[in-house]
Amino acid sequence: MLKVVIIGYGEMFTNLIAGALDANCEIAGVFRKEMIKYPPILRRLKDIFNPSLEHNYIKSYNLPEIEARSVNSPEFRKALLKLNPDIILVGSWCEKISKETYDIPKIASINAHPSLLPKYRGPNPYFWAIRNQESTSGITFHLVDNGYDTGAILAQEEVKIYPSDTGKTLKERTVLTARGVVCELLCALREDIIIPLQQREDKSSYYSHPEGLELDFSESAESNCALIRACYPWCEAYFYHNSVCLAPDVHSLEVIPNETSFEEAGTIVSTDYKTRTIGILCGNNKVLKMRVSLYNKFDRPFTGNYIKRELNSGMVL
């Protein structure tokens, strides 16, 4: 039976735990982000009064937690040496793991990255894959090394991206896929030898955190729609009318043909203040129809009134 330590946070972390249990591994210890995010006293209070998904999941399976302030701290490495794991699994993490830490397990330290490496290295490939209108993404399990998502690949599986996908829905499917893949990987490591596949640097790409969130109506309606969907649930896309910022609703997007006489990109072709819906002509002569809100959350109840007073068909943003 493989002995595993799991590091991470969020849905990827919990699905790695589930996958390790599916593979009948012994989970010798877990380490969640809250251990480094909060001082011990505040974290214990949070666990009582506002427990996280990770905390509840760990407690439901009665898993042992490692107490430390960093994966690179002496106390964390001391705990690892005592636990003597075969494998460390990493599922979303905010620190670069040092060689002194990732070299401790007997077999390997393995990271779960939500893209088809070497494409889309970096912290939020969900956003960038949708933003760039990719048709597929995936999950990759690779060896941890000194780089960011650069280690040799042990297992990969493709995840389809649908035209209606948001960052949230793509993430949900990807982490569920990760559960099955990590189960198969751990079973294979227990029973056989896996030869790691080195990543091709000539095929690699790296993207940082979401940026460039302002809509550009000179681009296609599909490109703007993709940006809006990619942002959810982490942030919001936006655009300006004069100096007023507005945000589209990710759940009410429609790309339709331009059946008006307007030709200039950025022209408002329709408005409905009752539903807070506007249609804007984009660079490929298609209309992006969407429900919008004033960006400032305290102003949002007044959005309908703003549309009625300030926005008219024929106006160019």
Protein backbone atom coordinates (compact mmCIF):
# COMPACT_ATOMS: atom_id res chain seq x y z
CA MET A 1 0.00 0.00 0.00
CA LEU A 2 1.40 3.36 -1.04
CA LYS A 3 1.75 5.96 1.67
CA VAL A 4 0.78 9.41 0.41
CA VAL A 5 0.94 12.99 1.71
CA ILE A 6 -1.38 15.46 -0.03
CA ILE A 7 -0.79 19.23 -0.22
CA GLY A 8 -3.24 21.74 -1.66
CA TYR A 9 -6.48 23.67 -1.45
CA GLY A 10 -9.88 23.87 -3.08
CA GLU A 11 -11.58 21.29 -5.27
CA MET A 12 -8.35 19.94 -6.76
CA PHE A 13 -7.09 19.14 -3.25
CA THR A 14 -10.26 17.32 -2.22
CA ASN A 15 -10.43 15.37 -5.47
CA LEU A 16 -6.82 14.23 -5.05
CA ILE A 17 -7.76 12.97 -1.61
CA ALA A 18 -10.74 11.14 -3.11
CA GLY A 19 -8.59 9.66 -5.88
CA ALA A 20 -5.96 8.46 -3.41
CA LEU A 21 -8.68 6.79 -1.33
CA ASP A 22 -10.13 5.21 -4.48
CA ALA A 23 -6.66 3.74 -5.14
CA ASN A 24 -6.58 2.27 -1.60
CA CYS A 25 -3.59 4.36 -0.60
CA GLU A 26 -2.75 5.23 2.97
CA ILE A 27 -3.05 9.01 3.38
CA ALA A 28 -0.36 9.60 5.98
CA GLY A 29 -0.93 13.36 6.20
CA VAL A 30 -2.55 16.36 4.54
CA PHE A 31 -1.53 20.01 4.44
CA ARG A 32 -4.02 22.72 3.45
CA LYS A 33 -3.51 26.35 2.50
CA GLU A 34 -5.13 27.65 5.68
CA MET A 35 -2.16 26.32 7.64
CA ILE A 36 0.03 29.00 6.06
CA LYS A 37 -2.62 31.64 5.43
CA TYR A 38 -3.69 32.19 9.05
CA PRO A 39 -1.88 32.23 12.40
CA PRO A 40 -2.68 29.04 14.37
CA ILE A 41 -5.15 30.68 16.78
CA LEU A 42 -7.12 32.42 14.02
CA ARG A 43 -7.14 29.27 11.93
CA ARG A 44 -8.56 27.21 14.81
CA LEU A 45 -11.28 29.79 15.36
CA LYS A 46 -12.10 29.77 11.65
CA ASP A 47 -12.28 25.98 11.70
CA ILE A 48 -14.92 26.24 14.43
CA PHE A 49 -17.03 29.15 13.24
CA ASN A 50 -16.46 29.25 9.47
CA PRO A 51 -14.93 25.94 8.38
CA SER A 52 -13.70 25.64 4.81
CA LEU A 53 -14.49 22.96 2.25
CA GLU A 54 -11.04 21.49 2.83
CA HIS A 55 -11.42 21.38 6.62
CA ASN A 56 -14.80 19.65 6.43
CA TYR A 57 -13.53 17.14 3.89
CA ILE A 58 -10.47 16.31 5.96
CA LYS A 59 -12.56 15.85 9.11
CA SER A 60 -15.13 13.69 7.31
CA TYR A 61 -12.37 11.16 6.55
CA ASN A 62 -10.53 11.72 9.83
CA LEU A 63 -7.25 12.44 8.03
CA PRO A 64 -4.15 13.50 9.98
CA GLU A 65 -3.09 17.12 9.39
CA ILE A 66 0.48 18.35 9.31
CA GLU A 67 1.10 21.44 11.47
CA ALA A 68 3.57 23.84 9.86
CA ARG A 69 3.79 27.38 8.49
CA SER A 70 5.24 26.48 5.07
CA VAL A 71 5.98 23.45 2.91
CA ASN A 72 9.58 24.63 2.94
CA SER A 73 9.83 25.03 6.73
CA PRO A 74 11.99 22.79 8.92
CA GLU A 75 8.91 21.62 10.85
CA PHE A 76 7.18 20.50 7.66
CA ARG A 77 10.24 18.60 6.44
CA LYS A 78 10.64 17.05 9.88
CA ALA A 79 7.04 15.86 9.76
CA LEU A 80 7.60 14.38 6.29
CA LEU A 81 10.69 12.51 7.42
CA LYS A 82 8.71 11.06 10.30
CA LEU A 83 5.80 10.04 8.06
CA ASN A 84 8.18 8.59 5.43
CA PRO A 85 5.76 8.86 2.49
CA ASP A 86 6.18 7.15 -0.84
CA ILE A 87 4.57 10.05 -2.70
CA ILE A 88 3.67 13.70 -2.18
CA LEU A 89 0.68 14.86 -4.23
CA VAL A 90 0.23 18.58 -4.84
CA GLY A 91 -3.16 19.94 -5.91
CA SER A 92 -3.07 23.75 -6.24
CA TRP A 93 -0.46 25.47 -4.13
CA CYS A 94 0.79 29.01 -3.57
CA GLU A 95 4.46 28.35 -2.74
CA LYS A 96 7.30 27.14 -4.90
CA ILE A 97 8.33 23.85 -3.30
CA SER A 98 12.04 23.62 -2.57
CA LYS A 99 14.23 20.69 -3.58
CA GLU A 100 14.86 19.92 0.10
CA THR A 101 11.13 19.23 0.43
CA TYR A 102 10.21 17.57 -2.86
CA ASP A 103 13.14 15.14 -2.63
CA ILE A 104 11.93 13.63 0.65
CA PRO A 105 9.34 11.04 -0.56
CA LYS A 106 10.70 7.65 -1.56
CA ILE A 107 9.14 7.62 -5.06
CA ALA A 108 8.33 11.18 -6.12
CA SER A 109 6.60 14.48 -5.52
CA ILE A 110 3.84 14.87 -8.12
CA ASN A 111 1.87 17.98 -9.06
CA ALA A 112 -1.60 18.07 -10.64
CA HIS A 113 -1.77 20.90 -13.18
CA PRO A 114 -5.06 21.72 -14.94
CA SER A 115 -3.83 21.98 -18.53
CA LEU A 116 -2.23 19.82 -21.18
CA LEU A 117 1.38 20.64 -20.38
CA PRO A 118 3.63 22.06 -21.66
CA LYS A 119 0.84 24.43 -22.80
CA TYR A 120 -0.64 26.85 -20.27
CA ARG A 121 1.85 26.65 -17.47
CA GLY A 122 1.04 29.08 -14.67
CA PRO A 123 -1.56 29.80 -11.99
CA ASN A 124 -4.92 29.92 -13.83
CA PRO A 125 -5.04 27.90 -17.05
CA TYR A 126 -8.85 27.64 -16.80
CA PHE A 127 -9.14 31.36 -17.52
CA TRP A 128 -6.62 31.44 -20.33
CA ALA A 129 -7.84 28.33 -22.17
CA ILE A 130 -11.36 29.80 -22.42
CA ARG A 131 -10.06 33.32 -23.08
CA ASN A 132 -8.04 32.02 -26.02
CA GLN A 133 -11.05 30.06 -27.32
CA GLU A 134 -9.37 26.67 -27.08
CA SER A 135 -11.54 23.61 -27.79
CA THR A 136 -9.74 21.39 -25.28
CA SER A 137 -7.89 21.63 -21.99
CA GLY A 138 -6.87 18.83 -19.66
CA ILE A 139 -5.16 17.60 -16.52
CA THR A 140 -1.46 16.73 -16.26
CA PHE A 141 0.35 14.93 -13.45
CA HIS A 142 4.04 15.72 -13.53
CA LEU A 143 7.11 15.46 -11.33
CA VAL A 144 7.84 18.49 -9.17
CA ASP A 145 11.16 20.12 -10.03
CA ASN A 146 12.80 23.54 -9.67
CA GLY A 147 10.64 25.16 -12.36
CA TYR A 148 7.01 26.19 -12.54
CA ASP A 149 5.03 23.28 -14.05
CA THR A 150 8.10 22.10 -15.95
CA GLY A 151 8.63 18.60 -14.55
CA ALA A 152 8.46 15.39 -16.56
CA ILE A 153 4.94 14.14 -17.32
CA LEU A 154 3.55 10.98 -15.72
CA ALA A 155 -0.08 11.08 -16.89
CA GLN A 156 -2.41 13.31 -18.92
CA GLU A 157 -6.06 13.35 -19.90
CA GLU A 158 -7.92 15.73 -22.20
CA VAL A 159 -10.95 17.75 -21.06
CA LYS A 160 -13.29 19.18 -23.70
CA ILE A 161 -14.16 22.89 -23.54
CA TYR A 162 -17.77 23.65 -24.51
CA PRO A 163 -18.95 26.95 -26.06
CA SER A 164 -20.96 27.71 -22.90
CA ASP A 165 -18.15 26.93 -20.46
CA THR A 166 -17.11 29.40 -17.79
CA GLY A 167 -13.93 29.19 -15.73
CA LYS A 168 -16.07 27.63 -13.01
CA THR A 169 -17.61 24.86 -15.10
CA LEU A 170 -14.31 23.99 -16.76
CA LYS A 171 -12.65 23.76 -13.36
CA GLU A 172 -15.41 21.52 -12.01
CA ARG A 173 -15.00 19.02 -14.86
CA THR A 174 -11.20 19.16 -14.72
CA VAL A 175 -10.92 18.36 -11.01
CA LEU A 176 -13.36 15.47 -11.40
CA THR A 177 -11.19 14.16 -14.22
CA ALA A 178 -8.15 14.55 -11.95
CA ARG A 179 -9.73 12.20 -9.41
CA GLY A 180 -9.91 9.37 -11.92
CA VAL A 181 -6.49 10.02 -13.41
CA VAL A 182 -4.71 10.15 -10.03
CA CYS A 183 -6.39 6.90 -8.99
CA GLU A 184 -5.09 5.18 -12.14
CA LEU A 185 -1.65 6.76 -11.71
CA LEU A 186 -1.27 5.65 -8.10
CA CYS A 187 -2.37 2.11 -8.97
CA ALA A 188 0.14 2.06 -11.82
CA LEU A 189 2.94 3.32 -9.58
CA ARG A 190 2.16 0.61 -7.07
CA GLU A 191 2.19 -2.17 -9.64
CA ASP A 192 4.56 -1.08 -12.40
CA ILE A 193 7.30 1.29 -13.50
CA ILE A 194 6.28 4.50 -15.24
CA ILE A 195 8.81 6.26 -17.45
CA PRO A 196 8.40 10.06 -17.16
CA LEU A 197 8.10 11.99 -20.41
CA GLN A 198 10.14 15.18 -20.58
CA GLN A 199 8.21 18.27 -21.60
CA ARG A 200 9.04 19.90 -24.92
CA GLU A 201 10.13 23.46 -24.27
CA ASP A 202 9.49 24.45 -27.89
CA LYS A 203 5.79 23.70 -27.30
CA SER A 204 5.53 25.43 -23.92
CA SER A 205 3.56 28.51 -22.92
CA TYR A 206 3.21 30.33 -19.60
CA TYR A 207 0.34 32.55 -18.50
CA SER A 208 0.07 34.48 -15.26
CA HIS A 209 -3.04 35.61 -13.40
CA PRO A 210 -6.05 36.97 -15.39
CA GLU A 211 -5.41 40.35 -16.98
CA GLY A 212 -6.71 42.47 -19.85
CA LEU A 213 -10.31 42.26 -18.65
CA GLU A 214 -11.74 45.24 -20.56
CA LEU A 215 -13.93 44.24 -23.47
CA ASP A 216 -12.77 45.34 -26.92
CA PHE A 217 -15.70 45.57 -29.32
CA SER A 218 -13.37 45.95 -32.29
CA GLU A 219 -12.68 42.23 -31.76
CA SER A 220 -15.20 39.52 -32.58
CA ALA A 221 -18.34 38.94 -30.55
CA GLU A 222 -17.09 35.42 -29.79
CA SER A 223 -13.79 36.75 -28.42
CA ASN A 224 -15.57 39.16 -26.09
CA CYS A 225 -17.99 36.46 -25.01
CA ALA A 226 -15.06 34.14 -24.25
CA LEU A 227 -13.44 36.79 -22.06
CA ILE A 228 -16.63 37.26 -20.05
CA ARG A 229 -17.00 33.49 -19.53
CA ALA A 230 -13.33 33.00 -18.70
CA CYS A 231 -13.46 35.54 -15.86
CA TYR A 232 -16.18 33.78 -13.88
CA PRO A 233 -16.00 33.20 -10.89
CA TRP A 234 -12.71 34.96 -10.09
CA CYS A 235 -13.24 38.40 -11.56
CA GLU A 236 -15.44 40.38 -13.97
CA ALA A 237 -14.94 41.67 -17.47
CA TYR A 238 -16.04 45.26 -18.00
CA PHE A 239 -16.46 48.11 -20.48
CA TYR A 240 -16.99 51.85 -20.28
CA HIS A 241 -19.70 54.24 -21.30
CA ASN A 242 -17.95 57.59 -21.01
CA SER A 243 -16.42 57.31 -17.51
CA VAL A 244 -19.01 54.85 -16.18
CA CYS A 245 -17.94 51.23 -15.86
CA LEU A 246 -20.38 48.41 -16.62
CA ALA A 247 -20.06 44.66 -16.15
CA PRO A 248 -21.80 41.97 -18.24
CA ASP A 249 -23.63 39.04 -16.64
CA VAL A 250 -21.93 35.78 -17.57
CA HIS A 251 -25.25 33.91 -17.46
CA SER A 252 -27.01 35.99 -20.12
CA LEU A 253 -24.75 36.05 -23.17
CA GLU A 254 -25.91 35.66 -26.74
CA VAL A 255 -24.11 36.15 -30.04
CA ILE A 256 -26.58 37.02 -32.81
CA PRO A 257 -26.40 38.25 -36.42
CA ASN A 258 -26.43 41.97 -37.06
CA GLU A 259 -29.85 42.68 -38.56
CA THR A 260 -29.55 46.46 -38.19
CA SER A 261 -28.15 49.13 -40.48
CA PHE A 262 -25.34 49.92 -38.04
CA GLU A 263 -21.82 49.10 -39.21
CA GLU A 264 -19.37 50.60 -36.71
CA ALA A 265 -17.96 48.28 -34.03
CA GLY A 266 -18.89 49.37 -30.53
CA THR A 267 -22.31 50.71 -31.58
CA ILE A 268 -25.20 49.99 -29.23
CA VAL A 269 -27.84 48.40 -31.45
CA SER A 270 -30.50 47.61 -28.84
CA THR A 271 -31.39 48.38 -25.21
CA ASP A 272 -34.02 47.16 -22.75
CA TYR A 273 -33.87 48.93 -19.41
CA LYS A 274 -36.45 46.58 -17.86
CA THR A 275 -34.24 43.52 -18.34
CA ARG A 276 -30.99 45.56 -18.20
CA THR A 277 -30.06 44.10 -21.59
CA ILE A 278 -28.07 45.78 -24.34
CA GLY A 279 -26.74 44.61 -27.69
CA ILE A 280 -23.38 45.86 -28.94
CA LEU A 281 -22.03 45.45 -32.47
CA CYS A 282 -18.61 43.82 -32.58
CA GLY A 283 -15.78 43.80 -35.09
CA ASN A 284 -16.97 40.74 -36.99
CA ASN A 285 -20.39 42.33 -37.67
CA LYS A 286 -22.11 40.22 -35.03
CA VAL A 287 -23.99 41.51 -31.99
CA LEU A 288 -23.10 40.58 -28.42
CA LYS A 289 -26.33 40.72 -26.46
CA MET A 290 -25.95 40.71 -22.68
CA ARG A 291 -27.48 41.76 -19.40
CA VAL A 292 -25.30 44.37 -17.70
CA SER A 293 -24.88 45.99 -14.30
CA LEU A 294 -23.13 49.09 -13.07
CA TYR A 295 -19.74 47.83 -11.94
CA ASN A 296 -19.88 49.31 -8.46
CA LYS A 297 -22.00 46.87 -6.44
CA PHE A 298 -23.66 49.70 -4.49
CA ASP A 299 -24.84 51.25 -7.79
CA ARG A 300 -26.22 48.04 -9.29
CA PRO A 301 -29.85 48.56 -8.20
CA PHE A 302 -29.86 51.68 -10.39
CA THR A 303 -28.64 49.95 -13.57
CA GLY A 304 -32.03 49.89 -15.28
CA ASN A 305 -32.51 53.59 -14.68
CA TYR A 306 -29.01 54.30 -16.03
CA ILE A 307 -29.72 52.37 -19.22
CA LYS A 308 -33.03 54.19 -19.69
CA ARG A 309 -31.45 57.62 -19.22
CA GLU A 310 -28.01 57.24 -20.77
CA LEU A 311 -27.86 54.44 -23.35
CA ASN A 312 -29.56 54.61 -26.74
CA SER A 313 -29.41 52.67 -29.98
CA GLY A 314 -26.89 54.21 -32.35
CA MET A 315 -24.59 55.40 -29.57
CA VAL A 316 -20.94 54.33 -30.04
CA LEU A 317 -19.02 53.28 -26.94
